[in-house]
PDB file of N, CA and C in Angstrom:
ATOM      1  N   UNK A   1       0.858  -1.205   0.065  1.00  0.00           N
ATOM      2  CA  UNK A   1      -0.028  -0.051  -0.010  1.00  0.00           C
ATOM      3  C   UNK A   1       0.774   1.340  -0.082  1.00  0.00           C
ATOM      4  N   UNK A   2       0.723   2.040  -0.982  1.00  0.00           N
ATOM      5  CA  UNK A   2       1.564   3.459  -1.062  1.00  0.00           C
ATOM      6  C   UNK A   2       0.955   4.429  -0.194  1.00  0.00           C
ATOM      7  N   UNK A   3       1.596   5.449  -0.434  1.00  0.00           N
ATOM      8  CA  UNK A   3       1.363   6.694   0.468  1.00  0.00           C
ATOM      9  C   UNK A   3      -0.106   7.326   0.005  1.00  0.00           C
ATOM     10  N   UNK A   4      -0.723   7.911   1.001  1.00  0.00           N
ATOM     11  CA  UNK A   4      -2.067   8.531   0.728  1.00  0.00           C
ATOM     12  C   UNK A   4      -2.025   9.822  -0.147  1.00  0.00           C
ATOM     13  N   UNK A   5      -3.092  10.156  -0.615  1.00  0.00           N
ATOM     14  CA  UNK A   5      -3.106  11.391  -1.377  1.00  0.00           C
ATOM     15  C   UNK A   5      -3.101  12.592  -0.603  1.00  0.00           C
ATOM     16  N   UNK A   6      -2.946  13.754  -1.033  1.00  0.00           N
ATOM     17  CA  UNK A   6      -2.788  14.952  -0.260  1.00  0.00           C
ATOM     18  C   UNK A   6      -3.142  16.258  -1.334  1.00  0.00           C
ATOM     19  N   UNK A   7      -3.336  17.315  -0.655  1.00  0.00           N
ATOM     20  CA  UNK A   7      -3.319  18.545  -1.229  1.00  0.00           C
ATOM     21  C   UNK A   7      -2.923  19.766  -0.450  1.00  0.00           C
ATOM     22  N   UNK A   8      -2.363  20.770  -1.013  1.00  0.00           N
ATOM     23  CA  UNK A   8      -1.730  21.751  -0.291  1.00  0.00           C
ATOM     24  C   UNK A   8      -2.100  23.215  -0.807  1.00  0.00           C
ATOM     25  N   UNK A   9      -2.207  24.206  -0.045  1.00  0.00           N
ATOM     26  CA  UNK A   9      -2.394  25.413  -0.515  1.00  0.00           C
ATOM     27  C   UNK A   9      -1.492  26.705  -0.075  1.00  0.00           C
ATOM     28  N   UNK A  10      -1.171  27.640  -0.663  1.00  0.00           N
ATOM     29  CA  UNK A  10      -0.482  28.710  -0.255  1.00  0.00           C
ATOM     30  C   UNK A  10      -1.285  30.110  -0.566  1.00  0.00           C
ATOM     31  N   UNK A  11      -1.695  30.514   0.545  1.00  0.00           N
ATOM     32  CA  UNK A  11      -2.709  31.728   0.616  1.00  0.00           C
ATOM     33  C   UNK A  11      -2.029  33.105   0.456  1.00  0.00           C
ATOM     34  N   UNK A  12      -2.681  33.961  -0.218  1.00  0.00           N
ATOM     35  CA  UNK A  12      -2.181  35.382  -0.303  1.00  0.00           C
ATOM     36  C   UNK A  12      -3.383  36.324  -0.247  1.00  0.00           C
ATOM     37  N   UNK A  13      -3.245  37.181   0.839  1.00  0.00           N
ATOM     38  CA  UNK A  13      -4.194  38.126   1.145  1.00  0.00           C
ATOM     39  C   UNK A  13      -4.231  39.418   0.199  1.00  0.00           C
ATOM     40  N   UNK A  14      -5.312  40.028  -0.095  1.00  0.00           N
ATOM     41  CA  UNK A  14      -5.341  41.325  -0.863  1.00  0.00           C
ATOM     42  C   UNK A  14      -6.021  42.292   0.085  1.00  0.00           C
ATOM     43  N   UNK A  15      -7.215  42.021   0.584  1.00  0.00           N
ATOM     44  CA  UNK A  15      -7.757  42.795   1.632  1.00  0.00           C
ATOM     45  C   UNK A  15      -7.399  42.552   2.968  1.00  0.00           C
ATOM     46  N   UNK A  16      -6.957  41.317   3.202  1.00  0.00           N
ATOM     47  CA  UNK A  16      -6.333  40.751   4.513  1.00  0.00           C
ATOM     48  C   UNK A  16      -4.926  41.172   4.423  1.00  0.00           C
ATOM     49  N   UNK A  17      -4.186  40.626   5.443  1.00  0.00           N
ATOM     50  CA  UNK A  17      -2.693  40.799   5.517  1.00  0.00           C
ATOM     51  C   UNK A  17      -2.200  39.823   4.158  1.00  0.00           C
ATOM     52  N   UNK A  18      -1.129  40.289   3.708  1.00  0.00           N
ATOM     53  CA  UNK A  18      -0.605  39.638   2.583  1.00  0.00           C
ATOM     54  C   UNK A  18      -0.291  37.918   2.758  1.00  0.00           C
ATOM     55  N   UNK A  19       0.267  37.712   3.937  1.00  0.00           N
ATOM     56  CA  UNK A  19       0.500  36.343   4.267  1.00  0.00           C
ATOM     57  C   UNK A  19      -0.733  35.471   4.802  1.00  0.00           C
ATOM     58  N   UNK A  20      -1.936  36.168   4.835  1.00  0.00           N
ATOM     59  CA  UNK A  20      -3.293  35.547   5.052  1.00  0.00           C
ATOM     60  C   UNK A  20      -3.196  34.927   6.573  1.00  0.00           C
ATOM     61  N   UNK A  21      -2.315  35.582   7.361  1.00  0.00           N
ATOM     62  CA  UNK A  21      -2.308  34.932   8.777  1.00  0.00           C
ATOM     63  C   UNK A  21      -3.662  35.060   9.403  1.00  0.00           C
ATOM     64  N   UNK A  22      -4.244  33.981   9.831  1.00  0.00           N
ATOM     65  CA  UNK A  22      -5.480  33.928  10.596  1.00  0.00           C
ATOM     66  C   UNK A  22      -6.764  33.447   9.602  1.00  0.00           C
ATOM     67  N   UNK A  23      -6.342  33.284   8.229  1.00  0.00           N
ATOM     68  CA  UNK A  23      -7.276  32.608   7.413  1.00  0.00           C
ATOM     69  C   UNK A  23      -7.458  31.176   7.661  1.00  0.00           C
ATOM     70  N   UNK A  24      -8.837  30.726   7.480  1.00  0.00           N
ATOM     71  CA  UNK A  24      -9.229  29.352   7.719  1.00  0.00           C
ATOM     72  C   UNK A  24      -9.451  28.658   6.384  1.00  0.00           C
ATOM     73  N   UNK A  25      -8.953  27.651   6.176  1.00  0.00           N
ATOM     74  CA  UNK A  25      -9.203  26.742   4.927  1.00  0.00           C
ATOM     75  C   UNK A  25     -10.009  25.566   5.351  1.00  0.00           C
ATOM     76  N   UNK A  26     -11.216  25.335   4.606  1.00  0.00           N
ATOM     77  CA  UNK A  26     -11.982  24.220   4.809  1.00  0.00           C
ATOM     78  C   UNK A  26     -12.045  23.336   3.623  1.00  0.00           C
ATOM     79  N   UNK A  27     -11.710  22.107   3.602  1.00  0.00           N
ATOM     80  CA  UNK A  27     -11.989  21.347   2.407  1.00  0.00           C
ATOM     81  C   UNK A  27     -12.952  20.107   2.705  1.00  0.00           C
ATOM     82  N   UNK A  28     -13.614  19.547   1.800  1.00  0.00           N
ATOM     83  CA  UNK A  28     -14.610  18.641   1.841  1.00  0.00           C
ATOM     84  C   UNK A  28     -14.070  17.451   0.710  1.00  0.00           C
ATOM     85  N   UNK A  29     -13.699  16.355   1.164  1.00  0.00           N
ATOM     86  CA  UNK A  29     -13.333  15.220   0.272  1.00  0.00           C
ATOM     87  C   UNK A  29     -13.901  13.925   0.886  1.00  0.00           C
ATOM     88  N   UNK A  30     -14.683  13.327  -0.183  1.00  0.00           N
ATOM     89  CA  UNK A  30     -15.447  12.176   0.207  1.00  0.00           C
ATOM     90  C   UNK A  30     -16.474  12.313   1.415  1.00  0.00           C
ATOM     91  N   UNK A  31     -17.067  13.499   1.378  1.00  0.00           N
ATOM     92  CA  UNK A  31     -18.044  13.779   2.494  1.00  0.00           C
ATOM     93  C   UNK A  31     -17.212  14.211   3.783  1.00  0.00           C
ATOM     94  N   UNK A  32     -16.087  14.112   3.970  1.00  0.00           N
ATOM     95  CA  UNK A  32     -15.348  14.455   5.299  1.00  0.00           C
ATOM     96  C   UNK A  32     -14.820  15.841   5.187  1.00  0.00           C
ATOM     97  N   UNK A  33     -15.029  16.697   6.087  1.00  0.00           N
ATOM     98  CA  UNK A  33     -14.589  18.035   6.323  1.00  0.00           C
ATOM     99  C   UNK A  33     -13.170  18.169   7.072  1.00  0.00           C
ATOM    100  N   UNK A  34     -12.254  18.815   6.548  1.00  0.00           N
ATOM    101  CA  UNK A  34     -10.968  19.084   7.192  1.00  0.00           C
ATOM    102  C   UNK A  34     -10.889  20.543   7.316  1.00  0.00           C
ATOM    103  N   UNK A  35     -10.334  21.218   8.390  1.00  0.00           N
ATOM    104  CA  UNK A  35     -10.007  22.614   8.576  1.00  0.00           C
ATOM    105  C   UNK A  35      -8.651  22.833   8.992  1.00  0.00           C
ATOM    106  N   UNK A  36      -7.919  23.799   8.584  1.00  0.00           N
ATOM    107  CA  UNK A  36      -6.696  24.225   8.964  1.00  0.00           C
ATOM    108  C   UNK A  36      -6.565  25.911   8.914  1.00  0.00           C
ATOM    109  N   UNK A  37      -5.768  26.382   9.622  1.00  0.00           N
ATOM    110  CA  UNK A  37      -5.734  27.891   9.769  1.00  0.00           C
ATOM    111  C   UNK A  37      -4.209  28.205   9.469  1.00  0.00           C
ATOM    112  N   UNK A  38      -4.014  29.364   9.019  1.00  0.00           N
ATOM    113  CA  UNK A  38      -2.774  30.027   8.632  1.00  0.00           C
ATOM    114  C   UNK A  38      -2.224  30.687   9.808  1.00  0.00           C
ATOM    115  N   UNK A  39      -1.023  30.201  10.526  1.00  0.00           N
ATOM    116  CA  UNK A  39      -0.604  30.897  11.652  1.00  0.00           C
ATOM    117  C   UNK A  39       0.729  31.628  11.404  1.00  0.00           C
ATOM    118  N   UNK A  40       0.968  32.600  12.167  1.00  0.00           N
ATOM    119  CA  UNK A  40       2.109  33.487  12.122  1.00  0.00           C
ATOM    120  C   UNK A  40       3.327  32.791  12.560  1.00  0.00           C
ATOM    121  N   UNK A  41       4.411  33.041  12.191  1.00  0.00           N
ATOM    122  CA  UNK A  41       5.652  32.443  12.703  1.00  0.00           C
ATOM    123  C   UNK A  41       6.529  32.306  11.278  1.00  0.00           C
ATOM    124  N   UNK A  42       7.881  32.001  11.884  1.00  0.00           N
ATOM    125  CA  UNK A  42       9.058  32.040  10.931  1.00  0.00           C
ATOM    126  C   UNK A  42       8.816  30.945   9.868  1.00  0.00           C
ATOM    127  N   UNK A  43       9.215  31.128   8.771  1.00  0.00           N
ATOM    128  CA  UNK A  43       9.213  30.083   7.538  1.00  0.00           C
ATOM    129  C   UNK A  43      10.586  29.641   7.342  1.00  0.00           C
ATOM    130  N   UNK A  44      11.512  29.705   8.329  1.00  0.00           N
ATOM    131  CA  UNK A  44      12.904  29.449   7.971  1.00  0.00           C
ATOM    132  C   UNK A  44      13.044  27.899   7.950  1.00  0.00           C
ATOM    133  N   UNK A  45      14.128  27.360   7.510  1.00  0.00           N
ATOM    134  CA  UNK A  45      14.268  25.974   7.425  1.00  0.00           C
ATOM    135  C   UNK A  45      14.248  25.053   8.930  1.00  0.00           C
ATOM    136  N   UNK A  46      14.515  25.873   9.862  1.00  0.00           N
ATOM    137  CA  UNK A  46      14.550  25.368  11.197  1.00  0.00           C
ATOM    138  C   UNK A  46      13.226  25.577  11.768  1.00  0.00           C
ATOM    139  N   UNK A  47      12.392  26.318  11.364  1.00  0.00           N
ATOM    140  CA  UNK A  47      11.038  26.670  11.876  1.00  0.00           C
ATOM    141  C   UNK A  47      10.146  25.405  11.979  1.00  0.00           C
ATOM    142  N   UNK A  48       9.327  25.404  13.071  1.00  0.00           N
ATOM    143  CA  UNK A  48       8.086  24.406  13.187  1.00  0.00           C
ATOM    144  C   UNK A  48       6.997  24.679  12.386  1.00  0.00           C
ATOM    145  N   UNK A  49       6.962  25.894  11.821  1.00  0.00           N
ATOM    146  CA  UNK A  49       5.563  26.449  11.139  1.00  0.00           C
ATOM    147  C   UNK A  49       5.842  26.757   9.751  1.00  0.00           C
ATOM    148  N   UNK A  50       5.091  26.334   8.954  1.00  0.00           N
ATOM    149  CA  UNK A  50       5.028  26.944   7.462  1.00  0.00           C
ATOM    150  C   UNK A  50       3.768  27.645   7.224  1.00  0.00           C
ATOM    151  N   UNK A  51       3.729  28.654   6.430  1.00  0.00           N
ATOM    152  CA  UNK A  51       2.460  29.340   5.930  1.00  0.00           C
ATOM    153  C   UNK A  51       1.767  28.558   4.813  1.00  0.00           C
ATOM    154  N   UNK A  52       2.106  27.449   4.500  1.00  0.00           N
ATOM    155  CA  UNK A  52       1.562  26.538   3.441  1.00  0.00           C
ATOM    156  C   UNK A  52       0.509  25.585   4.352  1.00  0.00           C
ATOM    157  N   UNK A  53      -0.539  25.347   3.662  1.00  0.00           N
ATOM    158  CA  UNK A  53      -1.597  24.591   4.329  1.00  0.00           C
ATOM    159  C   UNK A  53      -1.702  23.208   3.540  1.00  0.00           C
ATOM    160  N   UNK A  54      -1.689  22.142   4.355  1.00  0.00           N
ATOM    161  CA  UNK A  54      -1.387  20.854   3.708  1.00  0.00           C
ATOM    162  C   UNK A  54      -2.608  19.856   4.342  1.00  0.00           C
ATOM    163  N   UNK A  55      -3.191  19.103   3.556  1.00  0.00           N
ATOM    164  CA  UNK A  55      -4.073  18.194   3.927  1.00  0.00           C
ATOM    165  C   UNK A  55      -3.828  17.036   3.679  1.00  0.00           C
ATOM    166  N   UNK A  56      -3.933  15.778   4.398  1.00  0.00           N
ATOM    167  CA  UNK A  56      -3.770  14.590   3.955  1.00  0.00           C
ATOM    168  C   UNK A  56      -5.218  14.059   3.576  1.00  0.00           C
ATOM    169  N   UNK A  57      -5.223  13.289   2.429  1.00  0.00           N
ATOM    170  CA  UNK A  57      -6.673  12.895   1.966  1.00  0.00           C
ATOM    171  C   UNK A  57      -6.794  11.383   2.135  1.00  0.00           C
ATOM    172  N   UNK A  58      -5.673  10.637   2.525  1.00  0.00           N
ATOM    173  CA  UNK A  58      -5.816   9.295   2.624  1.00  0.00           C
ATOM    174  C   UNK A  58      -6.032   8.549   1.104  1.00  0.00           C
ATOM    175  N   UNK A  59      -7.039   7.784   1.043  1.00  0.00           N
ATOM    176  CA  UNK A  59      -7.550   7.101  -0.083  1.00  0.00           C
ATOM    177  C   UNK A  59      -8.232   8.007  -1.118  1.00  0.00           C
ATOM    178  N   UNK A  60      -8.810   9.117  -0.638  1.00  0.00           N
ATOM    179  CA  UNK A  60      -9.499  10.004  -1.509  1.00  0.00           C
ATOM    180  C   UNK A  60      -8.778  10.546  -2.729  1.00  0.00           C
ATOM    181  N   UNK A  61      -9.239  10.548  -3.916  1.00  0.00           N
ATOM    182  CA  UNK A  61      -8.616  11.016  -5.189  1.00  0.00           C
ATOM    183  C   UNK A  61      -9.191  12.292  -5.552  1.00  0.00           C
ATOM    184  N   UNK A  62     -10.207  12.976  -4.915  1.00  0.00           N
ATOM    185  CA  UNK A  62     -10.796  14.001  -5.345  1.00  0.00           C
ATOM    186  C   UNK A  62     -11.155  14.950  -4.188  1.00  0.00           C
ATOM    187  N   UNK A  63     -11.296  16.319  -4.366  1.00  0.00           N
ATOM    188  CA  UNK A  63     -11.696  17.263  -3.320  1.00  0.00           C
ATOM    189  C   UNK A  63     -13.026  17.839  -3.877  1.00  0.00           C
ATOM    190  N   UNK A  64     -14.150  17.926  -3.149  1.00  0.00           N
ATOM    191  CA  UNK A  64     -15.429  18.340  -3.536  1.00  0.00           C
ATOM    192  C   UNK A  64     -15.646  19.713  -3.383  1.00  0.00           C
ATOM    193  N   UNK A  65     -14.974  20.264  -2.174  1.00  0.00           N
ATOM    194  CA  UNK A  65     -15.107  21.761  -1.876  1.00  0.00           C
ATOM    195  C   UNK A  65     -13.815  22.294  -1.244  1.00  0.00           C
ATOM    196  N   UNK A  66     -13.494  23.624  -1.664  1.00  0.00           N
ATOM    197  CA  UNK A  66     -12.395  24.282  -1.001  1.00  0.00           C
ATOM    198  C   UNK A  66     -12.983  25.618  -0.601  1.00  0.00           C
ATOM    199  N   UNK A  67     -13.016  25.857   0.636  1.00  0.00           N
ATOM    200  CA  UNK A  67     -13.628  27.222   1.190  1.00  0.00           C
ATOM    201  C   UNK A  67     -12.522  27.877   2.139  1.00  0.00           C
ATOM    202  N   UNK A  68     -12.401  29.240   1.759  1.00  0.00           N
ATOM    203  CA  UNK A  68     -11.348  30.056   2.513  1.00  0.00           C
ATOM    204  C   UNK A  68     -12.137  31.097   3.307  1.00  0.00           C
ATOM    205  N   UNK A  69     -11.985  31.278   4.577  1.00  0.00           N
ATOM    206  CA  UNK A  69     -12.497  32.352   5.288  1.00  0.00           C
ATOM    207  C   UNK A  69     -11.240  33.246   5.770  1.00  0.00           C
ATOM    208  N   UNK A  70     -11.277  34.454   5.074  1.00  0.00           N
ATOM    209  CA  UNK A  70     -10.183  35.374   5.232  1.00  0.00           C
ATOM    210  C   UNK A  70     -10.196  36.201   6.376  1.00  0.00           C
ATOM    211  N   UNK A  71      -9.191  36.701   6.967  1.00  0.00           N
ATOM    212  CA  UNK A  71      -9.261  37.607   8.166  1.00  0.00           C
ATOM    213  C   UNK A  71     -10.128  39.046   7.890  1.00  0.00           C
ATOM    214  N   UNK A  72     -10.171  39.422   6.599  1.00  0.00           N
ATOM    215  CA  UNK A  72     -11.046  40.568   6.066  1.00  0.00           C
ATOM    216  C   UNK A  72     -12.589  40.226   6.356  1.00  0.00           C
ATOM    217  N   UNK A  73     -12.996  38.934   6.646  1.00  0.00           N
ATOM    218  CA  UNK A  73     -14.429  38.728   6.598  1.00  0.00           C
ATOM    219  C   UNK A  73     -14.902  38.155   5.277  1.00  0.00           C
ATOM    220  N   UNK A  74     -14.089  38.104   4.217  1.00  0.00           N
ATOM    221  CA  UNK A  74     -14.443  37.443   2.951  1.00  0.00           C
ATOM    222  C   UNK A  74     -14.519  36.071   3.103  1.00  0.00           C
ATOM    223  N   UNK A  75     -15.502  35.448   2.561  1.00  0.00           N
ATOM    224  CA  UNK A  75     -15.557  33.971   2.486  1.00  0.00           C
ATOM    225  C   UNK A  75     -15.750  33.590   1.082  1.00  0.00           C
ATOM    226  N   UNK A  76     -14.769  32.683   0.574  1.00  0.00           N
ATOM    227  CA  UNK A  76     -14.719  32.368  -0.708  1.00  0.00           C
ATOM    228  C   UNK A  76     -14.540  30.730  -1.054  1.00  0.00           C
ATOM    229  N   UNK A  77     -15.436  30.511  -2.135  1.00  0.00           N
ATOM    230  CA  UNK A  77     -15.081  29.130  -2.562  1.00  0.00           C
ATOM    231  C   UNK A  77     -14.189  29.005  -3.778  1.00  0.00           C
ATOM    232  N   UNK A  78     -13.350  28.073  -3.924  1.00  0.00           N
ATOM    233  CA  UNK A  78     -12.318  27.924  -4.963  1.00  0.00           C
ATOM    234  C   UNK A  78     -12.561  26.502  -5.661  1.00  0.00           C
ATOM    235  N   UNK A  79     -12.595  26.447  -6.996  1.00  0.00           N
ATOM    236  CA  UNK A  79     -12.684  25.251  -7.762  1.00  0.00           C
ATOM    237  C   UNK A  79     -11.969  24.303  -7.123  1.00  0.00           C
ATOM    238  N   UNK A  80     -12.726  22.988  -6.896  1.00  0.00           N
ATOM    239  CA  UNK A  80     -12.050  21.850  -6.528  1.00  0.00           C
ATOM    240  C   UNK A  80     -10.805  21.404  -7.311  1.00  0.00           C
ATOM    241  N   UNK A  81      -9.601  21.503  -6.776  1.00  0.00           N
ATOM    242  CA  UNK A  81      -8.420  21.234  -7.610  1.00  0.00           C
ATOM    243  C   UNK A  81      -8.091  19.788  -7.447  1.00  0.00           C
ATOM    244  N   UNK A  82      -7.241  19.168  -8.359  1.00  0.00           N
ATOM    245  CA  UNK A  82      -6.739  17.843  -8.380  1.00  0.00           C
ATOM    246  C   UNK A  82      -5.682  17.649  -7.234  1.00  0.00           C
ATOM    247  N   UNK A  83      -5.769  16.601  -6.416  1.00  0.00           N
ATOM    248  CA  UNK A  83      -4.757  16.470  -5.331  1.00  0.00           C
ATOM    249  C   UNK A  83      -3.449  16.009  -5.887  1.00  0.00           C
ATOM    250  N   UNK A  84      -2.427  16.384  -4.847  1.00  0.00           N
ATOM    251  CA  UNK A  84      -1.144  15.920  -5.213  1.00  0.00           C
ATOM    252  C   UNK A  84      -0.312  17.189  -5.652  1.00  0.00           C
ATOM    253  N   UNK A  85      -0.897  18.348  -5.301  1.00  0.00           N
ATOM    254  CA  UNK A  85      -0.123  19.591  -5.700  1.00  0.00           C
ATOM    255  C   UNK A  85      -0.314  20.659  -4.711  1.00  0.00           C
ATOM    256  N   UNK A  86       0.499  21.607  -4.592  1.00  0.00           N
ATOM    257  CA  UNK A  86       0.074  22.992  -3.807  1.00  0.00           C
ATOM    258  C   UNK A  86      -0.225  23.887  -4.664  1.00  0.00           C
ATOM    259  N   UNK A  87      -1.457  24.526  -4.489  1.00  0.00           N
ATOM    260  CA  UNK A  87      -2.131  25.635  -5.201  1.00  0.00           C
ATOM    261  C   UNK A  87      -1.960  26.976  -4.544  1.00  0.00           C
ATOM    262  N   UNK A  88      -1.774  28.133  -5.337  1.00  0.00           N
ATOM    263  CA  UNK A  88      -1.881  29.273  -4.677  1.00  0.00           C
ATOM    264  C   UNK A  88      -3.467  29.768  -4.840  1.00  0.00           C
ATOM    265  N   UNK A  89      -3.920  30.347  -3.711  1.00  0.00           N
ATOM    266  CA  UNK A  89      -5.250  30.853  -3.534  1.00  0.00           C
ATOM    267  C   UNK A  89      -5.135  32.466  -3.038  1.00  0.00           C
ATOM    268  N   UNK A  90      -5.551  33.241  -4.114  1.00  0.00           N
ATOM    269  CA  UNK A  90      -5.629  34.798  -4.042  1.00  0.00           C
ATOM    270  C   UNK A  90      -6.837  35.272  -3.500  1.00  0.00           C
ATOM    271  N   UNK A  91      -6.722  35.956  -2.403  1.00  0.00           N
ATOM    272  CA  UNK A  91      -8.159  36.734  -1.808  1.00  0.00           C
ATOM    273  C   UNK A  91      -8.822  37.434  -3.027  1.00  0.00           C
ATOM    274  N   UNK A  92     -10.013  37.340  -3.183  1.00  0.00           N
ATOM    275  CA  UNK A  92     -10.861  38.018  -4.270  1.00  0.00           C
ATOM    276  C   UNK A  92     -10.839  37.401  -5.563  1.00  0.00           C
ATOM    277  N   UNK A  93     -10.235  36.124  -5.692  1.00  0.00           N
ATOM    278  CA  UNK A  93     -10.221  35.515  -6.987  1.00  0.00           C
ATOM    279  C   UNK A  93     -11.167  34.343  -6.968  1.00  0.00           C
ATOM    280  N   UNK A  94     -11.732  33.854  -5.845  1.00  0.00           N
ATOM    281  CA  UNK A  94     -12.709  32.785  -5.809  1.00  0.00           C
ATOM    282  C   UNK A  94     -14.147  33.325  -5.835  1.00  0.00           C
ATOM    283  N   UNK A  95     -15.076  32.510  -5.651  1.00  0.00           N
ATOM    284  CA  UNK A  95     -16.461  32.729  -5.713  1.00  0.00           C
ATOM    285  C   UNK A  95     -16.892  33.143  -4.250  1.00  0.00           C
ATOM    286  N   UNK A  96     -17.323  34.462  -4.269  1.00  0.00           N
ATOM    287  CA  UNK A  96     -17.595  35.004  -2.878  1.00  0.00           C
ATOM    288  C   UNK A  96     -18.971  34.414  -2.269  1.00  0.00           C
ATOM    289  N   UNK A  97     -19.148  34.136  -1.041  1.00  0.00           N
ATOM    290  CA  UNK A  97     -20.162  33.629  -0.448  1.00  0.00           C
ATOM    291  C   UNK A  97     -20.976  34.505   0.180  1.00  0.00           C
ATOM    292  N   UNK A  98     -20.342  35.817   0.477  1.00  0.00           N
ATOM    293  CA  UNK A  98     -20.819  36.782   1.355  1.00  0.00           C
ATOM    294  C   UNK A  98     -20.817  38.261   0.796  1.00  0.00           C
ATOM    295  N   UNK A  99     -20.236  38.358  -0.203  1.00  0.00           N
ATOM    296  CA  UNK A  99     -20.212  39.698  -0.821  1.00  0.00           C
ATOM    297  C   UNK A  99     -19.130  40.703  -0.349  1.00  0.00           C
ATOM    298  N   UNK A 100     -18.345  40.105   0.716  1.00  0.00           N
ATOM    299  CA  UNK A 100     -17.157  40.983   1.277  1.00  0.00           C
ATOM    300  C   UNK A 100     -16.040  40.987   0.585  1.00  0.00           C
ATOM    301  N   UNK A 101     -15.909  40.605  -0.593  1.00  0.00           N
ATOM    302  CA  UNK A 101     -14.626  40.182  -1.259  1.00  0.00           C
ATOM    303  C   UNK A 101     -14.083  41.230  -2.274  1.00  0.00           C
ATOM    304  N   UNK A 102     -15.025  42.412  -2.356  1.00  0.00           N
ATOM    305  CA  UNK A 102     -14.542  43.316  -3.451  1.00  0.00           C
ATOM    306  C   UNK A 102     -13.056  43.964  -3.050  1.00  0.00           C
ATOM    307  N   UNK A 103     -12.410  43.976  -4.109  1.00  0.00           N
ATOM    308  CA  UNK A 103     -10.998  44.728  -3.954  1.00  0.00           C
ATOM    309  C   UNK A 103     -11.138  46.308  -4.152  1.00  0.00           C
TER     310      UNK A 103
END
């Protein structure tokens, strides 16, 4: 049995802070929801934290939903990408769920 599937994101704020610190990413894969938050901290090689968001998907081979709640109050959905890569998510470029995403 090989390693499980995964997906990752690198967020960039436009209305929020550029590093998207405080943003929350929610994904749904095979009906299961996972949530992760972008934290402040060093991104050096010796740091324990990175600003990339990484989700393990196990045997799931697709993602049904990607939603980001930005610190600005903007809530957006992004097209479900294919697992196995890191994807950039830019605030204001997804589909707004609450109308607070105008740049």
